[in-house]
């Protein structure tokens, strides 16, 4: 488990270790932004939901880090690629809402 005083967004326990994604500190060398797919839930048997987000990002050459939950997927992208990611997703037919 991560320390109790760490705020986390995603925590994944795998056989080879624990990955914790937490908000960046101001001193972090590269900031990542989160794209959250949880505003419109889908059935667990729906196929292709995550790939529908990842393929346009891949085609635009944008790196991703993904954390998934029962309710949604959290797709992290480099902050410097925000505009490219929004454009790629909108071109693919996705509704993207941004916050400052």
Protein backbone atom coordinates (compact mmCIF):
# COMPACT_ATOMS: atom_id res chain seq x y z
CA UNK A 1 0.00 0.00 0.00
CA UNK A 2 1.17 3.57 -0.63
CA UNK A 3 1.84 5.77 2.39
CA UNK A 4 -1.38 7.04 3.96
CA UNK A 5 -0.42 10.68 3.33
CA UNK A 6 -0.13 10.23 -0.47
CA UNK A 7 -3.07 11.37 -2.58
CA UNK A 8 -3.51 8.87 -5.41
CA UNK A 9 -5.60 8.69 -8.58
CA UNK A 10 -4.91 5.13 -9.68
CA UNK A 11 -3.37 2.23 -7.82
CA UNK A 12 -2.67 -1.05 -9.58
CA UNK A 13 -1.34 -4.13 -7.81
CA UNK A 14 0.24 -6.69 -10.10
CA UNK A 15 2.24 -9.84 -9.35
CA UNK A 16 5.49 -7.94 -9.91
CA UNK A 17 4.71 -4.81 -7.90
CA UNK A 18 2.48 -1.87 -7.09
CA UNK A 19 2.01 1.17 -9.33
CA UNK A 20 0.55 4.33 -7.83
CA UNK A 21 -0.38 7.35 -9.96
CA UNK A 22 -0.65 10.53 -7.93
CA UNK A 23 -1.02 14.24 -8.73
CA UNK A 24 2.26 15.81 -9.84
CA UNK A 25 4.19 18.17 -7.65
CA UNK A 26 5.17 21.51 -9.19
CA UNK A 27 8.77 20.30 -9.44
CA UNK A 28 7.93 17.25 -11.57
CA UNK A 29 9.94 17.29 -14.83
CA UNK A 30 7.02 16.21 -17.05
CA UNK A 31 3.37 16.72 -16.25
CA UNK A 32 0.70 14.37 -17.56
CA UNK A 33 -2.97 15.23 -18.03
CA UNK A 34 -5.82 12.83 -17.43
CA UNK A 35 -8.53 12.01 -19.92
CA UNK A 36 -11.39 10.40 -18.01
CA UNK A 37 -13.94 8.22 -19.78
CA UNK A 38 -16.24 7.78 -16.80
CA UNK A 39 -18.89 10.40 -17.51
CA UNK A 40 -20.86 7.92 -19.60
CA UNK A 41 -20.72 4.42 -18.19
CA UNK A 42 -20.83 1.40 -20.48
CA UNK A 43 -21.55 -2.27 -19.95
CA UNK A 44 -18.58 -4.46 -19.14
CA UNK A 45 -19.31 -6.63 -22.17
CA UNK A 46 -18.97 -3.64 -24.53
CA UNK A 47 -15.88 -4.19 -26.65
CA UNK A 48 -13.44 -1.64 -28.03
CA UNK A 49 -14.16 1.16 -25.57
CA UNK A 50 -10.54 1.76 -24.57
CA UNK A 51 -9.14 1.13 -28.03
CA UNK A 52 -11.52 3.77 -29.40
CA UNK A 53 -9.56 6.29 -27.33
CA UNK A 54 -6.10 4.81 -27.75
CA UNK A 55 -6.02 4.28 -31.53
CA UNK A 56 -6.50 7.98 -32.42
CA UNK A 57 -3.84 8.91 -29.86
CA UNK A 58 -1.46 6.31 -31.29
CA UNK A 59 -2.09 7.56 -34.81
CA UNK A 60 -1.19 11.08 -33.62
CA UNK A 61 2.03 9.76 -32.05
CA UNK A 62 0.94 10.56 -28.48
CA UNK A 63 2.29 8.47 -25.60
CA UNK A 64 -0.21 7.23 -23.03
CA UNK A 65 -0.31 5.69 -19.57
CA UNK A 66 -3.59 3.95 -18.73
CA UNK A 67 -5.30 3.05 -15.49
CA UNK A 68 -8.68 1.35 -15.58
CA UNK A 69 -11.40 0.80 -13.02
CA UNK A 70 -14.74 -0.98 -13.03
CA UNK A 71 -16.45 2.31 -13.98
CA UNK A 72 -14.01 4.03 -16.33
CA UNK A 73 -10.61 4.37 -17.92
CA UNK A 74 -8.09 7.06 -17.02
CA UNK A 75 -5.83 7.82 -19.98
CA UNK A 76 -2.83 9.98 -19.11
CA UNK A 77 -1.13 12.00 -21.86
CA UNK A 78 1.88 14.33 -21.73
CA UNK A 79 0.70 17.86 -20.92
CA UNK A 80 2.67 19.18 -23.88
CA UNK A 81 0.47 17.12 -26.25
CA UNK A 82 -2.90 18.28 -24.88
CA UNK A 83 -4.01 20.18 -27.99
CA UNK A 84 -2.87 17.38 -30.30
CA UNK A 85 -4.76 14.79 -28.23
CA UNK A 86 -7.97 16.81 -28.13
CA UNK A 87 -7.81 17.36 -31.88
CA UNK A 88 -7.11 13.67 -32.59
CA UNK A 89 -9.98 12.51 -30.38
CA UNK A 90 -12.44 15.02 -31.82
CA UNK A 91 -11.45 13.99 -35.37
CA UNK A 92 -12.25 10.41 -34.33
CA UNK A 93 -15.75 11.50 -33.29
CA UNK A 94 -15.27 11.80 -29.53
CA UNK A 95 -16.82 14.57 -27.44
CA UNK A 96 -13.96 16.12 -25.44
CA UNK A 97 -14.58 18.60 -22.65
CA UNK A 98 -11.52 20.45 -21.35
CA UNK A 99 -10.93 22.37 -18.17
CA UNK A 100 -8.28 25.03 -17.68
